[in-house]
């Protein structure tokens, strides 16, 4: 995971995902994957309140949140092996106002010593990464 600026997003790739603009009552959905218009993400008003983008070919997932009106974006690299790893759990969520699509995420777990468990390693959620939609 790495924090990135909007300018660091590769707009030459096609992404599956959604962008919920600050002035809209439902998100813009990109299914099937499509190229994203750079101007959607660079504007100050309206701005992307929340967004998830995934490029399957490159294994690039981008999460965008704008809690204060300024975008905070993170890039994650997803390997094909992650979908079958014991340290990764797939999970899907019903999506609000997204035409019946379900959001798919991978949960990455890390073993960390826990004082409440005699310092034995306990799995804790490290990150949750968007990997597209289940139709």
C-alpha atoms as a PDB file:
ATOM      1  CA  UNK A   1       0.000   0.000   0.000  1.00  0.00           C
ATOM      2  CA  UNK A   2       1.256   3.425  -0.811  1.00  0.00           C
ATOM      3  CA  UNK A   3      -0.285   6.837  -0.423  1.00  0.00           C
ATOM      4  CA  UNK A   4      -0.428   8.578  -3.788  1.00  0.00           C
ATOM      5  CA  UNK A   5      -1.502  11.846  -5.324  1.00  0.00           C
ATOM      6  CA  UNK A   6      -4.285  11.930  -7.906  1.00  0.00           C
ATOM      7  CA  UNK A   7      -1.671  12.852 -10.543  1.00  0.00           C
ATOM      8  CA  UNK A   8       0.047   9.491  -9.838  1.00  0.00           C
ATOM      9  CA  UNK A   9      -2.951   7.455 -11.044  1.00  0.00           C
ATOM     10  CA  UNK A  10      -2.336   5.813 -14.425  1.00  0.00           C
ATOM     11  CA  UNK A  11      -5.251   7.169 -16.461  1.00  0.00           C
ATOM     12  CA  UNK A  12      -4.079   5.093 -19.430  1.00  0.00           C
ATOM     13  CA  UNK A  13      -5.502   1.969 -17.753  1.00  0.00           C
ATOM     14  CA  UNK A  14      -9.118   0.820 -17.742  1.00  0.00           C
ATOM     15  CA  UNK A  15     -10.641   0.474 -14.282  1.00  0.00           C
ATOM     16  CA  UNK A  16     -13.667  -1.311 -12.911  1.00  0.00           C
ATOM     17  CA  UNK A  17     -15.147   0.496  -9.954  1.00  0.00           C
ATOM     18  CA  UNK A  18     -17.121   3.464  -8.757  1.00  0.00           C
ATOM     19  CA  UNK A  19     -16.699   7.152  -8.036  1.00  0.00           C
ATOM     20  CA  UNK A  20     -19.191   8.911  -5.787  1.00  0.00           C
ATOM     21  CA  UNK A  21     -19.070  12.617  -6.535  1.00  0.00           C
ATOM     22  CA  UNK A  22     -19.837  15.152  -3.803  1.00  0.00           C
ATOM     23  CA  UNK A  23     -22.735  16.658  -5.756  1.00  0.00           C
ATOM     24  CA  UNK A  24     -24.445  13.421  -6.846  1.00  0.00           C
ATOM     25  CA  UNK A  25     -26.934  11.148  -5.062  1.00  0.00           C
ATOM     26  CA  UNK A  26     -25.494   7.921  -6.483  1.00  0.00           C
ATOM     27  CA  UNK A  27     -22.043   6.798  -7.619  1.00  0.00           C
ATOM     28  CA  UNK A  28     -20.776   6.605 -11.175  1.00  0.00           C
ATOM     29  CA  UNK A  29     -20.251   2.929 -11.984  1.00  0.00           C
ATOM     30  CA  UNK A  30     -17.562   1.602 -14.311  1.00  0.00           C
ATOM     31  CA  UNK A  31     -18.666  -1.926 -15.290  1.00  0.00           C
ATOM     32  CA  UNK A  32     -17.211  -3.216 -17.514  1.00  0.00           C
ATOM     33  CA  UNK A  33     -13.846  -1.596 -16.932  1.00  0.00           C
ATOM     34  CA  UNK A  34     -13.400   1.758 -18.638  1.00  0.00           C
ATOM     35  CA  UNK A  35     -10.930   4.601 -18.832  1.00  0.00           C
ATOM     36  CA  UNK A  36     -11.528   7.238 -16.160  1.00  0.00           C
ATOM     37  CA  UNK A  37     -11.723  10.907 -17.073  1.00  0.00           C
ATOM     38  CA  UNK A  38      -8.873  12.619 -15.216  1.00  0.00           C
ATOM     39  CA  UNK A  39     -10.954  15.784 -14.729  1.00  0.00           C
ATOM     40  CA  UNK A  40     -13.380  13.878 -12.459  1.00  0.00           C
ATOM     41  CA  UNK A  41     -10.598  13.413  -9.922  1.00  0.00           C
ATOM     42  CA  UNK A  42      -8.781  16.703 -10.272  1.00  0.00           C
ATOM     43  CA  UNK A  43     -11.693  19.045  -9.570  1.00  0.00           C
ATOM     44  CA  UNK A  44     -12.088  20.893  -6.288  1.00  0.00           C
ATOM     45  CA  UNK A  45     -15.851  21.139  -6.592  1.00  0.00           C
ATOM     46  CA  UNK A  46     -17.438  18.747  -7.160  1.00  0.00           C
ATOM     47  CA  UNK A  47     -14.912  16.297  -5.770  1.00  0.00           C
ATOM     48  CA  UNK A  48     -14.766  12.516  -5.345  1.00  0.00           C
ATOM     49  CA  UNK A  49     -16.230  11.857  -1.893  1.00  0.00           C
ATOM     50  CA  UNK A  50     -15.384   8.150  -2.137  1.00  0.00           C
ATOM     51  CA  UNK A  51     -14.059   5.960  -4.899  1.00  0.00           C
ATOM     52  CA  UNK A  52     -12.750   2.481  -5.615  1.00  0.00           C
ATOM     53  CA  UNK A  53     -10.980   1.540  -8.842  1.00  0.00           C
ATOM     54  CA  UNK A  54      -9.420  -1.781  -9.900  1.00  0.00           C
ATOM     55  CA  UNK A  55      -7.407  -2.771 -12.965  1.00  0.00           C
ATOM     56  CA  UNK A  56      -7.351  -6.578 -13.140  1.00  0.00           C
ATOM     57  CA  UNK A  57      -4.598  -6.842 -15.772  1.00  0.00           C
ATOM     58  CA  UNK A  58      -2.058  -4.858 -13.729  1.00  0.00           C
ATOM     59  CA  UNK A  59      -3.442  -5.850 -10.308  1.00  0.00           C
ATOM     60  CA  UNK A  60      -3.775  -2.194  -9.305  1.00  0.00           C
ATOM     61  CA  UNK A  61      -6.430  -1.159  -6.799  1.00  0.00           C
ATOM     62  CA  UNK A  62      -6.990   2.465  -5.858  1.00  0.00           C
ATOM     63  CA  UNK A  63      -9.007   3.736  -2.915  1.00  0.00           C
ATOM     64  CA  UNK A  64     -10.002   7.401  -2.717  1.00  0.00           C
ATOM     65  CA  UNK A  65     -11.595   9.124   0.272  1.00  0.00           C
ATOM     66  CA  UNK A  66     -12.155  12.848   0.750  1.00  0.00           C
ATOM     67  CA  UNK A  67     -13.124  13.369   4.395  1.00  0.00           C
ATOM     68  CA  UNK A  68     -12.363  17.105   4.285  1.00  0.00           C
ATOM     69  CA  UNK A  69     -12.970  17.770   0.597  1.00  0.00           C
ATOM     70  CA  UNK A  70      -9.378  16.968  -0.340  1.00  0.00           C
ATOM     71  CA  UNK A  71      -8.659  13.547  -1.826  1.00  0.00           C
ATOM     72  CA  UNK A  72      -6.581  10.998   0.033  1.00  0.00           C
ATOM     73  CA  UNK A  73      -5.699   8.156  -2.337  1.00  0.00           C
ATOM     74  CA  UNK A  74      -3.935   4.840  -1.761  1.00  0.00           C
ATOM     75  CA  UNK A  75      -2.648   2.357  -4.329  1.00  0.00           C
ATOM     76  CA  UNK A  76      -2.494  -1.368  -3.624  1.00  0.00           C
ATOM     77  CA  UNK A  77      -0.888  -4.073  -5.750  1.00  0.00           C
ATOM     78  CA  UNK A  78      -2.882  -7.306  -5.887  1.00  0.00           C
ATOM     79  CA  UNK A  79      -1.171 -10.522  -6.994  1.00  0.00           C
ATOM     80  CA  UNK A  80      -3.173 -13.342  -8.578  1.00  0.00           C
ATOM     81  CA  UNK A  81      -1.961 -15.597  -5.735  1.00  0.00           C
ATOM     82  CA  UNK A  82      -3.667 -13.300  -3.197  1.00  0.00           C
ATOM     83  CA  UNK A  83      -7.048 -14.699  -4.252  1.00  0.00           C
ATOM     84  CA  UNK A  84      -5.961 -18.147  -2.955  1.00  0.00           C
ATOM     85  CA  UNK A  85      -3.745 -17.173  -0.007  1.00  0.00           C
ATOM     86  CA  UNK A  86      -4.466 -18.298   3.561  1.00  0.00           C
ATOM     87  CA  UNK A  87      -3.608 -14.793   4.779  1.00  0.00           C
ATOM     88  CA  UNK A  88      -6.238 -13.206   2.529  1.00  0.00           C
ATOM     89  CA  UNK A  89     -10.017 -13.517   2.815  1.00  0.00           C
ATOM     90  CA  UNK A  90     -12.390 -12.514   0.009  1.00  0.00           C
ATOM     91  CA  UNK A  91     -15.498 -10.643   1.148  1.00  0.00           C
ATOM     92  CA  UNK A  92     -18.380  -9.044  -0.714  1.00  0.00           C
ATOM     93  CA  UNK A  93     -20.770  -6.304   0.327  1.00  0.00           C
ATOM     94  CA  UNK A  94     -24.112  -5.215  -1.066  1.00  0.00           C
ATOM     95  CA  UNK A  95     -23.699  -1.852  -2.735  1.00  0.00           C
ATOM     96  CA  UNK A  96     -25.997   1.095  -2.081  1.00  0.00           C
ATOM     97  CA  UNK A  97     -27.439   2.588  -5.284  1.00  0.00           C
ATOM     98  CA  UNK A  98     -25.222   0.559  -7.610  1.00  0.00           C
ATOM     99  CA  UNK A  99     -27.732  -1.364  -9.688  1.00  0.00           C
ATOM    100  CA  UNK A 100     -27.443  -4.705  -7.909  1.00  0.00           C
ATOM    101  CA  UNK A 101     -23.658  -4.931  -8.105  1.00  0.00           C
ATOM    102  CA  UNK A 102     -21.821  -6.242  -5.043  1.00  0.00           C
ATOM    103  CA  UNK A 103     -18.460  -4.776  -4.021  1.00  0.00           C
ATOM    104  CA  UNK A 104     -15.656  -7.355  -3.805  1.00  0.00           C
ATOM    105  CA  UNK A 105     -12.743  -6.825  -1.424  1.00  0.00           C
ATOM    106  CA  UNK A 106      -9.755  -8.838  -0.248  1.00  0.00           C
ATOM    107  CA  UNK A 107      -8.987  -8.685   3.466  1.00  0.00           C
ATOM    108  CA  UNK A 108      -5.292  -9.057   4.259  1.00  0.00           C
ATOM    109  CA  UNK A 109      -4.456 -10.429   7.714  1.00  0.00           C
ATOM    110  CA  UNK A 110      -1.241 -10.174   9.732  1.00  0.00           C
ATOM    111  CA  UNK A 111      -0.281 -12.179  12.820  1.00  0.00           C
ATOM    112  CA  UNK A 112       0.691  -9.891  15.712  1.00  0.00           C
ATOM    113  CA  UNK A 113       1.422 -10.721  19.358  1.00  0.00           C
ATOM    114  CA  UNK A 114      -1.514  -9.871  21.606  1.00  0.00           C
ATOM    115  CA  UNK A 115      -1.004  -9.185  25.305  1.00  0.00           C
ATOM    116  CA  UNK A 116      -4.575 -10.284  26.025  1.00  0.00           C
ATOM    117  CA  UNK A 117      -3.693 -13.719  24.598  1.00  0.00           C
ATOM    118  CA  UNK A 118      -0.411 -14.347  26.464  1.00  0.00           C
ATOM    119  CA  UNK A 119       1.467 -12.651  23.606  1.00  0.00           C
ATOM    120  CA  UNK A 120       0.467 -15.401  21.200  1.00  0.00           C
ATOM    121  CA  UNK A 121       0.085 -14.257  17.588  1.00  0.00           C
ATOM    122  CA  UNK A 122      -3.419 -13.140  16.734  1.00  0.00           C
ATOM    123  CA  UNK A 123      -4.597 -12.359  13.225  1.00  0.00           C
ATOM    124  CA  UNK A 124      -5.455  -8.694  12.806  1.00  0.00           C
ATOM    125  CA  UNK A 125      -6.835  -6.964   9.745  1.00  0.00           C
ATOM    126  CA  UNK A 126      -3.981  -5.233   7.942  1.00  0.00           C
ATOM    127  CA  UNK A 127      -5.834  -3.825   4.925  1.00  0.00           C
ATOM    128  CA  UNK A 128      -8.950  -4.268   2.829  1.00  0.00           C
ATOM    129  CA  UNK A 129      -8.524  -3.888  -0.943  1.00  0.00           C
ATOM    130  CA  UNK A 130     -11.210  -3.413  -3.612  1.00  0.00           C
ATOM    131  CA  UNK A 131     -11.018  -5.966  -6.458  1.00  0.00           C
ATOM    132  CA  UNK A 132     -14.088  -5.243  -8.553  1.00  0.00           C
ATOM    133  CA  UNK A 133     -17.757  -6.138  -8.587  1.00  0.00           C
ATOM    134  CA  UNK A 134     -19.714  -9.355  -8.396  1.00  0.00           C
ATOM    135  CA  UNK A 135     -22.557  -9.075 -10.842  1.00  0.00           C
END
